[in-house]
Protein backbone atom coordinates (compact mmCIF):
# COMPACT_ATOMS: atom_id res chain seq x y z
CA MET A 1 -37.27 8.05 -23.67
CA GLN A 2 -39.68 6.76 -26.33
CA LEU A 3 -43.51 7.00 -25.49
CA SER A 4 -44.19 3.32 -26.06
CA SER A 5 -41.50 2.55 -23.02
CA PHE A 6 -44.30 4.23 -20.49
CA LEU A 7 -47.04 2.28 -22.23
CA GLN A 8 -46.01 -1.31 -20.95
CA ARG A 9 -45.67 -2.01 -17.27
CA PRO A 10 -43.58 -0.26 -15.80
CA SER A 11 -40.28 -1.43 -14.51
CA GLY A 12 -39.06 -1.16 -10.95
CA TYR A 13 -36.43 1.75 -11.60
CA MET A 14 -39.52 3.68 -12.93
CA LEU A 15 -41.99 3.36 -10.16
CA ALA A 16 -39.03 4.16 -7.46
CA SER A 17 -38.38 7.60 -9.83
CA ILE A 18 -41.68 8.60 -9.65
CA LEU A 19 -41.82 7.86 -5.89
CA CYS A 20 -38.77 9.88 -5.43
CA SER A 21 -39.49 12.31 -7.92
CA SER A 22 -42.75 13.25 -5.56
CA GLY A 23 -40.66 14.88 -3.13
CA GLY A 24 -40.18 18.11 -5.81
CA TYR A 25 -44.17 18.24 -4.80
CA LEU A 26 -43.52 19.53 -1.17
CA PHE A 27 -40.90 22.29 -2.78
CA GLY A 28 -43.42 23.09 -4.99
CA ILE A 29 -46.20 23.84 -2.76
CA ASP A 30 -43.52 25.32 -0.43
CA THR A 31 -42.76 27.94 -3.12
CA GLY A 32 -46.51 28.46 -4.03
CA ILE A 33 -47.81 29.09 -0.75
CA ILE A 34 -44.97 31.51 1.11
CA GLY A 35 -46.14 34.29 -1.28
CA PRO A 36 -49.94 34.16 -1.04
CA VAL A 37 -49.92 33.57 2.93
CA THR A 38 -47.82 36.80 3.72
CA VAL A 39 -50.35 38.92 2.09
CA MET A 40 -53.17 37.50 4.04
CA ASP A 41 -54.90 40.34 5.81
CA ASP A 42 -54.93 37.94 9.15
CA PHE A 43 -51.14 36.85 8.45
CA THR A 44 -50.25 40.64 8.14
CA LYS A 45 -52.20 41.40 11.54
CA TYR A 46 -50.30 38.53 13.40
CA VAL A 47 -46.88 39.74 12.62
CA GLY A 48 -47.90 43.36 12.78
CA ASN A 49 -48.33 44.77 9.23
CA PRO A 50 -44.39 43.96 8.70
CA SER A 51 -42.56 46.46 6.31
CA PRO A 52 -41.10 45.35 3.34
CA THR A 53 -37.77 44.47 4.64
CA ILE A 54 -39.08 41.92 7.47
CA HIS A 55 -41.59 40.58 4.19
CA GLY A 56 -38.32 39.67 2.32
CA LEU A 57 -36.50 38.19 5.78
CA ILE A 58 -39.59 36.18 6.20
CA VAL A 59 -39.74 34.88 2.63
CA SER A 60 -36.10 34.21 2.03
CA SER A 61 -35.19 33.00 5.48
CA ILE A 62 -35.60 29.40 4.21
CA LEU A 63 -33.00 29.73 1.42
CA ILE A 64 -29.76 29.78 3.41
CA PRO A 65 -30.34 26.90 5.80
CA ALA A 66 -31.24 24.95 2.78
CA ALA A 67 -27.90 25.69 1.07
CA ILE A 68 -25.78 24.85 3.80
CA SER A 69 -27.37 21.82 4.93
CA SER A 70 -27.14 20.40 1.05
CA PHE A 71 -23.29 20.52 1.26
CA PHE A 72 -23.55 18.20 4.19
CA ALA A 73 -26.32 15.95 2.23
CA GLY A 74 -23.87 13.96 0.62
CA ARG A 75 -22.15 12.78 3.71
CA VAL A 76 -25.60 11.86 5.23
CA ALA A 77 -26.61 9.96 2.22
CA ASP A 78 -23.48 7.91 2.26
CA ALA A 79 -23.63 6.94 5.91
CA LEU A 80 -27.57 6.07 5.96
CA GLY A 81 -28.31 5.44 2.44
CA ARG A 82 -30.44 7.49 -0.26
CA PRO A 83 -33.78 6.50 1.00
CA ARG A 84 -33.21 6.78 4.55
CA GLY A 85 -31.40 10.48 3.50
CA ILE A 86 -34.68 11.35 1.73
CA ALA A 87 -37.09 10.20 4.66
CA ILE A 88 -35.34 11.89 7.21
CA GLY A 89 -34.44 15.39 5.35
CA SER A 90 -38.43 15.36 4.24
CA PHE A 91 -39.64 14.65 8.08
CA ILE A 92 -37.56 17.67 8.94
CA PHE A 93 -39.03 19.54 6.38
CA GLY A 94 -41.98 18.46 7.48
CA VAL A 95 -41.42 19.71 10.93
CA GLY A 96 -40.67 23.11 9.92
CA ALA A 97 -43.82 23.47 7.98
CA ALA A 98 -46.03 22.42 11.24
CA LEU A 99 -43.91 24.87 13.41
CA GLU A 100 -45.09 27.84 10.89
CA GLY A 101 -48.54 26.24 10.84
CA ALA A 102 -48.75 26.65 14.53
CA SER A 103 -46.52 29.47 15.48
CA MET A 104 -47.83 31.80 17.99
CA HIS A 105 -45.02 34.43 17.23
CA ILE A 106 -43.25 35.54 14.17
CA ALA A 107 -40.23 34.32 15.51
CA MET A 108 -41.43 30.92 15.89
CA PHE A 109 -42.79 31.41 12.41
CA VAL A 110 -39.31 32.10 11.02
CA VAL A 111 -37.85 29.11 12.79
CA GLY A 112 -40.00 26.88 11.50
CA ARG A 113 -38.73 28.38 8.12
CA ILE A 114 -35.24 27.84 8.93
CA ILE A 115 -35.83 24.06 10.08
CA GLU A 116 -37.81 23.49 6.98
CA GLY A 117 -34.80 24.84 4.68
CA ILE A 118 -32.49 22.55 6.61
CA GLY A 119 -34.77 19.53 5.63
CA GLU A 120 -35.30 20.93 2.12
CA GLY A 121 -31.46 20.89 1.51
CA LEU A 122 -31.40 17.80 2.86
CA TYR A 123 -33.77 15.65 0.57
CA LEU A 124 -33.74 17.62 -2.46
CA SER A 125 -29.85 17.03 -2.80
CA MET A 126 -30.36 12.99 -2.63
CA MET A 127 -33.21 12.93 -5.21
CA ILE A 128 -31.64 13.40 -8.46
CA VAL A 129 -28.45 11.42 -7.24
CA TYR A 130 -31.10 8.30 -6.37
CA ILE A 131 -32.49 8.50 -9.53
CA CYS A 132 -28.93 8.47 -11.47
CA GLU A 133 -27.96 5.62 -9.05
CA ILE A 134 -30.74 3.43 -9.98
CA SER A 135 -32.05 4.22 -13.55
CA PRO A 136 -30.12 2.60 -16.65
CA PRO A 137 -28.32 5.70 -18.82
CA ARG A 138 -30.38 5.61 -21.73
CA TYR A 139 -33.46 6.49 -19.85
CA ARG A 140 -31.55 9.07 -17.29
CA GLY A 141 -32.29 12.01 -18.60
CA ALA A 142 -36.09 11.62 -19.21
CA LEU A 143 -35.98 10.24 -15.32
CA THR A 144 -34.53 13.12 -13.84
CA THR A 145 -36.65 15.33 -15.30
CA GLY A 146 -39.64 13.90 -13.19
CA PRO A 147 -38.86 16.10 -9.88
CA GLN A 148 -39.32 19.27 -12.63
CA LEU A 149 -42.29 18.76 -13.60
CA ILE A 150 -44.08 17.71 -10.08
CA THR A 151 -42.54 20.56 -8.28
CA THR A 152 -44.34 22.36 -10.91
CA LEU A 153 -47.51 20.84 -10.09
CA GLY A 154 -47.18 21.78 -6.53
CA LEU A 155 -46.46 25.16 -7.58
CA VAL A 156 -50.12 25.09 -8.81
CA THR A 157 -51.18 23.35 -5.57
CA GLY A 158 -50.04 25.50 -3.19
CA TYR A 159 -51.30 28.51 -5.02
CA PHE A 160 -54.92 27.28 -5.49
CA THR A 161 -54.95 25.95 -1.85
CA CYS A 162 -54.09 29.64 -0.59
CA TYR A 163 -56.88 30.63 -3.50
CA GLY A 164 -59.04 28.43 -1.50
CA THR A 165 -57.99 29.32 2.21
CA ALA A 166 -58.20 33.40 1.83
CA ASN A 167 -61.90 33.62 2.66
CA ILE A 168 -61.85 31.84 6.16
CA GLY A 169 -61.39 34.92 8.25
CA SER A 170 -59.71 33.20 11.05
CA SER A 171 -55.82 32.38 11.46
CA ILE A 172 -56.42 29.41 9.47
CA SER A 173 -56.62 31.07 6.37
CA TRP A 174 -52.77 31.01 6.35
CA ARG A 175 -52.18 28.27 9.10
CA LEU A 176 -54.39 25.49 6.76
CA PRO A 177 -51.54 25.44 3.95
CA PHE A 178 -48.53 24.92 6.23
CA ILE A 179 -50.57 22.06 8.38
CA LEU A 180 -51.77 20.56 5.02
CA LEU A 181 -47.65 20.61 3.55
CA ALA A 182 -46.54 19.21 6.84
CA ALA A 183 -48.89 16.35 6.17
CA TYR A 184 -47.79 15.74 2.71
CA SER A 185 -44.03 15.69 4.14
CA CYS A 186 -44.99 13.02 6.70
CA LEU A 187 -46.63 10.86 4.12
CA PHE A 188 -43.93 11.38 1.56
CA SER A 189 -41.16 10.28 4.36
CA VAL A 190 -43.10 7.59 5.37
CA ALA A 191 -43.61 6.33 1.88
CA ALA A 192 -39.79 6.77 0.95
CA LEU A 193 -38.94 4.82 3.65
CA MET A 194 -40.97 1.72 3.37
CA TRP A 195 -41.22 1.68 -0.42
CA LEU A 196 -37.70 3.37 -2.07
CA PRO A 197 -35.54 0.35 -2.47
CA ALA A 198 -31.91 1.11 -1.28
CA SER A 199 -29.43 2.32 -3.90
CA PRO A 200 -27.76 -0.78 -5.44
CA ARG A 201 -24.38 1.05 -5.94
CA TRP A 202 -24.62 2.68 -2.26
CA LEU A 203 -24.62 -1.32 -1.11
CA THR A 204 -21.86 -2.42 -3.49
CA LEU A 205 -19.99 0.43 -2.05
CA HIS A 206 -20.26 -0.81 1.34
CA GLY A 207 -19.75 -4.61 0.70
CA LYS A 208 -23.41 -5.85 -0.05
CA THR A 209 -23.03 -7.53 -2.99
CA GLU A 210 -25.69 -10.03 -2.49
CA GLU A 211 -28.16 -7.42 -1.47
CA ALA A 212 -27.18 -4.93 -4.35
CA THR A 213 -27.92 -7.99 -7.01
CA LYS A 214 -31.58 -8.78 -5.44
CA ILE A 215 -32.20 -5.10 -5.50
CA TRP A 216 -30.80 -4.86 -9.10
CA GLU A 217 -33.41 -7.87 -10.12
CA LYS A 218 -36.14 -6.33 -8.20
CA LEU A 219 -35.70 -2.75 -10.43
CA GLY A 220 -35.71 -4.53 -13.65
CA VAL A 221 -32.36 -2.83 -14.62
CA PRO A 222 -30.46 -5.07 -17.24
CA ALA A 223 -27.23 -6.65 -16.47
CA ALA A 224 -25.23 -4.25 -19.41
CA ASP A 225 -26.89 -1.39 -17.98
CA ARG A 226 -25.61 -1.86 -14.09
CA GLU A 227 -22.39 -1.92 -15.02
CA LYS A 228 -22.38 1.17 -17.00
CA ILE A 229 -23.97 2.64 -13.85
CA MET A 230 -21.15 1.15 -12.12
CA ASP A 231 -18.00 2.08 -14.35
CA GLN A 232 -19.67 5.31 -14.43
CA TYR A 233 -19.49 6.04 -10.48
CA GLU A 234 -16.23 4.51 -10.38
CA THR A 235 -13.92 7.40 -11.78
CA SER A 236 -16.85 10.45 -11.34
CA VAL A 237 -19.35 12.31 -9.32
CA VAL A 238 -22.63 12.64 -9.22
CA GLU A 239 -24.06 16.31 -9.47
CA THR A 240 -27.64 16.25 -7.95
CA ALA A 241 -29.89 18.79 -9.28
CA ILE A 242 -32.45 20.55 -6.88
CA PRO A 243 -35.63 22.39 -8.37
CA ASP A 244 -35.84 26.30 -7.65
CA ALA A 245 -38.68 28.12 -7.54
CA SER A 246 -39.62 27.61 -11.13
CA GLY A 247 -39.52 24.09 -10.77
CA ASN A 248 -36.50 23.30 -12.31
CA THR A 249 -34.47 20.55 -11.37
CA SER A 250 -31.40 21.22 -13.67
CA ALA A 251 -32.23 24.96 -12.71
CA GLY A 252 -31.82 24.80 -8.60
CA HIS A 253 -29.67 24.32 -5.96
CA VAL A 254 -26.79 21.44 -6.56
CA ALA A 255 -24.82 19.68 -4.19
CA SER A 256 -22.07 16.72 -5.35
CA THR A 257 -21.52 13.54 -3.89
CA THR A 258 -18.02 11.87 -4.40
CA ILE A 259 -18.86 8.05 -5.26
CA ALA A 260 -14.87 7.50 -5.35
CA VAL A 261 -11.71 9.29 -4.36
CA PRO A 262 -9.02 9.23 -7.16
CA LYS A 263 -7.72 12.19 -6.55
CA SER A 264 -6.93 13.95 -2.90
CA LYS A 265 -9.80 16.80 -2.38
CA LYS A 266 -7.35 19.77 -1.83
CA ALA A 267 -6.29 19.29 -5.75
CA LYS A 268 -9.49 19.03 -7.12
CA VAL A 269 -10.28 22.68 -5.57
CA LEU A 270 -7.31 24.13 -6.52
CA ASP A 271 -7.65 22.71 -10.16
CA VAL A 272 -10.54 25.40 -10.69
CA LEU A 273 -8.19 28.04 -10.64
CA SER A 274 -5.66 26.57 -13.43
CA SER A 275 -5.52 28.52 -16.45
CA ASP A 276 -8.03 26.08 -18.57
CA ALA A 277 -10.74 25.75 -15.98
CA ARG A 278 -10.94 29.44 -14.68
CA PRO A 279 -12.66 30.50 -18.08
CA ARG A 280 -15.44 28.17 -17.68
CA LEU A 281 -15.93 28.66 -13.58
CA LEU A 282 -16.25 32.47 -14.39
CA LEU A 283 -18.73 31.89 -16.96
CA ALA A 284 -20.73 29.57 -14.89
CA VAL A 285 -20.66 31.65 -11.48
CA PHE A 286 -22.10 34.43 -13.76
CA LEU A 287 -24.78 32.32 -15.50
CA MET A 288 -25.98 30.77 -12.16
CA GLY A 289 -25.87 34.21 -10.51
CA MET A 290 -28.14 35.83 -13.52
CA GLN A 291 -30.32 33.07 -13.37
CA GLN A 292 -31.52 34.14 -10.37
CA LEU A 293 -30.92 38.16 -10.65
CA SER A 294 -33.71 37.68 -13.80
CA GLY A 295 -36.18 38.19 -11.71
CA ILE A 296 -38.15 34.69 -11.66
CA ASP A 297 -38.02 33.86 -8.24
CA GLY A 298 -39.14 37.00 -7.43
CA VAL A 299 -42.22 36.98 -9.95
CA LEU A 300 -42.91 33.01 -8.40
CA TYR A 301 -42.55 34.18 -4.48
CA TYR A 302 -44.51 37.70 -4.50
CA ALA A 303 -46.70 37.11 -7.83
CA PRO A 304 -49.90 38.11 -5.47
CA LEU A 305 -47.99 41.57 -4.77
CA LEU A 306 -46.98 41.77 -8.24
CA PHE A 307 -50.41 41.55 -9.52
CA GLN A 308 -51.83 43.84 -6.69
CA GLN A 309 -49.81 46.20 -7.93
CA ALA A 310 -50.78 46.01 -11.30
CA GLY A 311 -54.48 46.86 -10.08
CA LEU A 312 -55.80 42.91 -9.17
CA SER A 313 -57.09 44.97 -5.82
CA SER A 314 -58.77 41.61 -4.21
CA ASN A 315 -56.79 39.22 -2.59
CA GLU A 316 -58.55 36.50 -4.51
CA SER A 317 -57.94 37.93 -7.84
CA ALA A 318 -54.76 38.26 -7.24
CA PHE A 319 -54.25 34.64 -5.79
CA LEU A 320 -56.26 33.71 -8.63
CA ALA A 321 -54.11 35.14 -10.98
CA SER A 322 -50.67 33.59 -9.50
CA GLY A 323 -52.70 29.98 -9.56
CA VAL A 324 -53.15 30.94 -13.44
CA SER A 325 -49.23 31.78 -14.14
CA ALA A 326 -48.52 28.44 -12.10
CA ILE A 327 -50.83 26.46 -14.69
CA LEU A 328 -48.91 27.73 -17.57
CA ILE A 329 -45.72 26.90 -16.15
CA PHE A 330 -46.76 23.24 -15.61
CA ALA A 331 -48.27 23.02 -18.72
CA VAL A 332 -44.79 24.95 -20.72
CA SER A 333 -42.53 22.88 -18.58
CA ILE A 334 -43.78 19.16 -20.20
CA PRO A 335 -42.58 20.27 -23.84
CA ALA A 336 -39.76 22.42 -22.94
CA THR A 337 -38.19 19.39 -21.22
CA ILE A 338 -39.06 17.00 -24.08
CA CYS A 339 -37.56 19.88 -26.67
CA ALA A 340 -34.42 20.86 -24.38
CA ASP A 341 -32.06 19.14 -26.45
CA ARG A 342 -33.66 20.14 -30.43
CA TRP A 343 -31.86 23.23 -29.82
CA GLY A 344 -28.70 24.63 -28.94
CA ARG A 345 -27.78 25.83 -25.25
CA ARG A 346 -26.72 29.35 -26.60
CA ALA A 347 -29.39 30.22 -28.67
CA ASN A 348 -31.90 29.32 -26.14
CA THR A 349 -29.96 31.63 -23.47
CA ILE A 350 -29.14 34.61 -25.75
CA LEU A 351 -32.80 34.57 -27.24
CA GLY A 352 -34.30 33.63 -24.02
CA GLY A 353 -32.55 36.74 -22.35
CA LEU A 354 -33.56 39.12 -24.86
CA ALA A 355 -37.47 38.12 -24.91
CA MET A 356 -37.16 38.58 -21.13
CA THR A 357 -35.68 41.61 -21.02
CA ALA A 358 -38.32 43.01 -23.56
CA THR A 359 -41.14 42.22 -21.03
CA MET A 360 -39.09 43.55 -17.92
CA PHE A 361 -38.62 46.42 -19.84
CA LEU A 362 -42.05 46.96 -21.27
CA MET A 363 -43.78 46.67 -17.70
CA GLY A 364 -40.93 49.03 -16.37
CA SER A 365 -41.77 51.62 -19.09
CA LEU A 366 -45.69 51.33 -18.47
CA TYR A 367 -45.02 52.12 -14.83
CA ALA A 368 -42.27 54.59 -15.08
CA GLY A 369 -44.95 56.72 -17.74
CA ASN A 370 -47.66 56.26 -15.19
CA ALA A 371 -49.44 54.09 -17.47
CA VAL A 372 -50.61 51.28 -15.23
CA HIS A 373 -54.33 52.09 -13.53
CA ALA A 374 -55.93 49.98 -10.79
CA GLY A 375 -59.44 50.68 -12.04
CA THR A 376 -58.92 51.63 -15.89
CA GLY A 377 -56.96 52.00 -18.95
CA ALA A 378 -55.19 48.79 -20.89
CA GLY A 379 -51.52 48.89 -18.65
CA ARG A 380 -52.80 46.91 -16.12
CA TRP A 381 -53.59 44.28 -18.44
CA VAL A 382 -50.05 44.55 -20.69
CA VAL A 383 -48.38 44.01 -17.03
CA ILE A 384 -50.43 41.23 -15.97
CA VAL A 385 -49.88 39.70 -19.64
CA CYS A 386 -45.98 40.33 -19.52
CA ILE A 387 -45.99 38.48 -16.08
CA TYR A 388 -47.65 35.35 -17.78
CA ALA A 389 -44.90 35.97 -20.84
CA PHE A 390 -42.02 36.08 -18.65
CA ALA A 391 -42.50 32.89 -16.54
CA VAL A 392 -43.56 30.97 -20.07
CA ILE A 393 -40.05 32.24 -21.71
CA TYR A 394 -38.22 31.71 -18.63
CA CYS A 395 -39.11 27.96 -17.97
CA VAL A 396 -38.41 27.32 -21.77
CA SER A 397 -35.02 28.99 -22.13
CA TRP A 398 -33.32 29.36 -18.88
CA ALA A 399 -34.77 26.88 -16.78
CA VAL A 400 -33.84 24.12 -19.14
CA GLY A 401 -30.09 24.89 -20.09
CA ILE A 402 -28.01 27.12 -17.57
CA LYS A 403 -27.67 24.85 -14.91
CA CYS A 404 -26.75 21.84 -17.39
CA TYR A 405 -24.44 24.14 -19.46
CA ALA A 406 -22.66 25.14 -15.99
CA ALA A 407 -21.90 21.45 -15.16
CA GLU A 408 -21.18 20.05 -18.56
CA ILE A 409 -18.39 22.94 -19.80
CA GLN A 410 -16.42 22.30 -16.71
CA PRO A 411 -13.63 19.94 -16.69
CA GLN A 412 -14.14 16.65 -15.43
CA ARG A 413 -11.36 16.75 -12.68
CA THR A 414 -12.92 20.32 -11.49
CA ARG A 415 -16.31 19.64 -12.30
CA ALA A 416 -17.78 18.76 -8.59
CA SER A 417 -15.82 21.98 -7.29
CA ALA A 418 -16.89 24.35 -9.76
CA THR A 419 -20.44 22.87 -9.93
CA SER A 420 -20.50 23.45 -6.20
CA ILE A 421 -19.07 27.05 -6.55
CA ALA A 422 -21.36 28.07 -9.50
CA HIS A 423 -24.17 26.72 -7.52
CA GLY A 424 -23.62 28.84 -4.38
CA SER A 425 -23.70 32.05 -6.53
CA ASN A 426 -27.43 30.75 -7.44
CA TRP A 427 -28.29 30.33 -4.01
CA LEU A 428 -26.56 33.82 -2.83
CA SER A 429 -28.47 35.39 -5.77
CA ASN A 430 -31.68 33.59 -5.11
CA PHE A 431 -31.54 34.84 -1.54
CA LEU A 432 -30.94 38.68 -2.58
CA VAL A 433 -33.76 38.45 -5.39
CA ALA A 434 -36.04 37.25 -2.39
CA LEU A 435 -34.78 39.46 0.07
CA VAL A 436 -34.60 42.93 -1.42
CA THR A 437 -37.89 42.44 -4.49
CA PRO A 438 -40.34 43.66 -1.68
CA THR A 439 -38.17 46.84 -0.65
CA LEU A 440 -37.88 47.45 -4.32
CA LEU A 441 -41.35 47.22 -5.35
CA ALA A 442 -42.22 49.64 -2.39
CA ARG A 443 -39.76 52.26 -2.93
CA THR A 444 -40.67 52.66 -6.82
CA SER A 445 -43.17 51.01 -8.81
CA TYR A 446 -40.81 50.20 -11.94
CA GLY A 447 -37.28 49.82 -10.51
CA ALA A 448 -37.24 46.47 -9.65
CA TYR A 449 -38.45 45.80 -13.52
CA PHE A 450 -35.25 47.56 -15.24
CA LEU A 451 -32.95 46.04 -12.59
CA PHE A 452 -34.01 42.62 -13.70
CA GLY A 453 -34.68 43.38 -17.47
CA GLY A 454 -30.78 44.91 -16.93
CA CYS A 455 -29.40 41.81 -15.68
CA THR A 456 -31.26 39.49 -18.51
CA LEU A 457 -29.86 42.09 -21.36
CA LEU A 458 -26.50 42.12 -19.95
CA THR A 459 -26.17 38.07 -19.39
CA ALA A 460 -27.65 37.71 -23.46
CA ALA A 461 -24.58 40.19 -24.42
CA VAL A 462 -21.87 38.23 -22.35
CA CYS A 463 -23.54 35.15 -23.65
CA PHE A 464 -23.03 36.31 -27.16
CA VAL A 465 -19.44 36.90 -27.03
CA PHE A 466 -18.48 34.37 -24.50
CA MET A 467 -20.65 31.27 -24.58
CA PRO A 468 -19.85 28.81 -26.89
CA GLU A 469 -22.18 26.18 -28.07
CA THR A 470 -21.84 22.92 -26.09
CA ARG A 471 -25.42 20.90 -27.45
CA GLY A 472 -24.04 17.14 -27.89
CA LEU A 473 -20.32 17.37 -27.87
CA ASN A 474 -18.02 15.19 -25.86
CA LEU A 475 -15.55 16.96 -23.51
CA ASP A 476 -12.74 17.13 -26.13
CA GLU A 477 -14.96 19.12 -28.29
CA ILE A 478 -16.73 21.34 -25.44
CA ASN A 479 -12.13 21.81 -24.60
CA HIS A 480 -11.88 22.73 -28.34
CA ALA A 481 -14.78 25.33 -28.24
CA PHE A 482 -13.73 27.36 -25.45
CA ALA A 483 -10.28 27.04 -27.10
CA ARG A 484 -11.58 28.82 -29.95
CA ARG A 485 -13.73 31.33 -28.45
CA SER A 486 -10.85 32.29 -26.00
CA GLY A 487 -9.49 35.02 -28.48
CA VAL A 488 -11.10 38.72 -29.35
CA ALA A 489 -12.00 37.52 -32.79
CA SER A 490 -14.81 35.25 -31.32
CA GLY A 491 -16.97 38.66 -30.61
CA VAL A 492 -16.32 39.28 -33.79
CA THR A 493 -17.67 35.95 -35.22
CA GLY A 494 -20.28 35.75 -32.80
CA VAL A 495 -22.79 36.72 -35.63
CA ARG A 496 -21.83 33.92 -38.03
CA ASP A 497 -21.65 31.23 -35.41
CA PHE A 498 -25.26 32.30 -34.04
CA ALA A 499 -26.94 31.97 -37.08
CA ALA A 500 -25.30 29.17 -38.32
CA ARG A 501 -24.82 26.68 -35.45
CA SER A 502 -26.77 27.99 -32.87
CA VAL A 503 -30.17 28.67 -33.88
CA ARG A 504 -30.59 25.54 -36.41
CA TRP A 505 -32.73 22.99 -34.96
CA ARG A 506 -31.06 19.50 -34.91
CA ARG A 507 -32.14 16.15 -33.28
CA PRO A 508 -29.92 15.48 -30.44
CA ALA A 509 -26.90 13.16 -31.25
CA ALA A 510 -27.01 10.26 -29.38
CA VAL A 511 -24.87 10.59 -26.41
CA ASP A 512 -23.68 7.23 -24.23
CA ALA A 513 -24.51 8.34 -20.75
């Protein structure tokens, strides 16, 4: 989108998209506070000095409920409408946060996180759907980056909220961040219910064409764009991106809502196993799982723990360092989003994987060689810089392209089913990383780094052999790209293709969304 478009008086669809994107702020805050809270002295006394396994369970307990509820989000949105579904989901999210802030026992705290996860899966699943349904196709890509940017802003807020409450000296130090999150959630729920107009496409499907026309006028969407939006959803599906802990909406939890049902659902499920679709499904499942096994959510959820291990002994110092990492993520997310289509998916994934491997192996080697000491030496500062570098590299590479690639390579007839399966792999990997990272760090100072580094190296190698470039290609061209790479010769010609086609800086081709 051109900058001049933003400098003019904003259209109704822009204002609605910005308000809807504000839901990502809640997700970012929760991601930013859960890690610092669980290492606060008052919280560890409250839960009885939990073991690393219990620590992992507390943090990861939000993920599986969110995954389950996201599968039902489409039905809720189709029955009640997008704004109402978003409002209900964010309110449930707020109820869970309030239970965490008011919990009298660790079981109540975990129940609060489970309820919070249910709301998270509901409202995050609908945000991008709503933005897609009200936005002109030529502006949709820019507008759908809103949740990502606001999520990273929430991450900054969460870390620095804990930095500000860490020295209160009572249970308020860890309760207050959740109480504030509950208040933000309720405010967003009310705002969504009051000021988000109904989706015109949803109104049309429910026979309310006159009301839909009024909403189109209110949103300021030209008639030609309205036809494109409606035509696109007549025979397709809306794939919804949910931010992950890094703030990436195209890199988060995804649910698919069928707009029309031109084919039977059974046929679509079986189609993912057909000879032409199966390799793409497997590649998508692999990439989506490895995206989380890179260790990004381990870094973000447990940043204070990592910085303490590196030698920042006080909670205050560790929280400040975590906040700085969130600021870096927010800062690089803006240019990374703008430049996402200016380099190839393949180059971005391979080079990003190799760079993350280097940072992980360097940190692991320093710990294995006993070169990191809390009070002296340069080793601890190298580790701290590497943590920052890893987060930045992830945000400009894998956070930008992998989830988009996993969806765009699928044939149209299997895209909904294949995308859901692939994102199931992402959910599972995210849960495993959040669960086992504290245990790995407690058992060995270097094992987690070598594990995550090995995963990123393996991913780069697999992508070098099996991942064709798809940037700017239509569906037929993507089919031909996979056909060319299906043979053994593709591995031999990988160097030439990588140098000639993937790395070259090009302007994005114009694609009619």
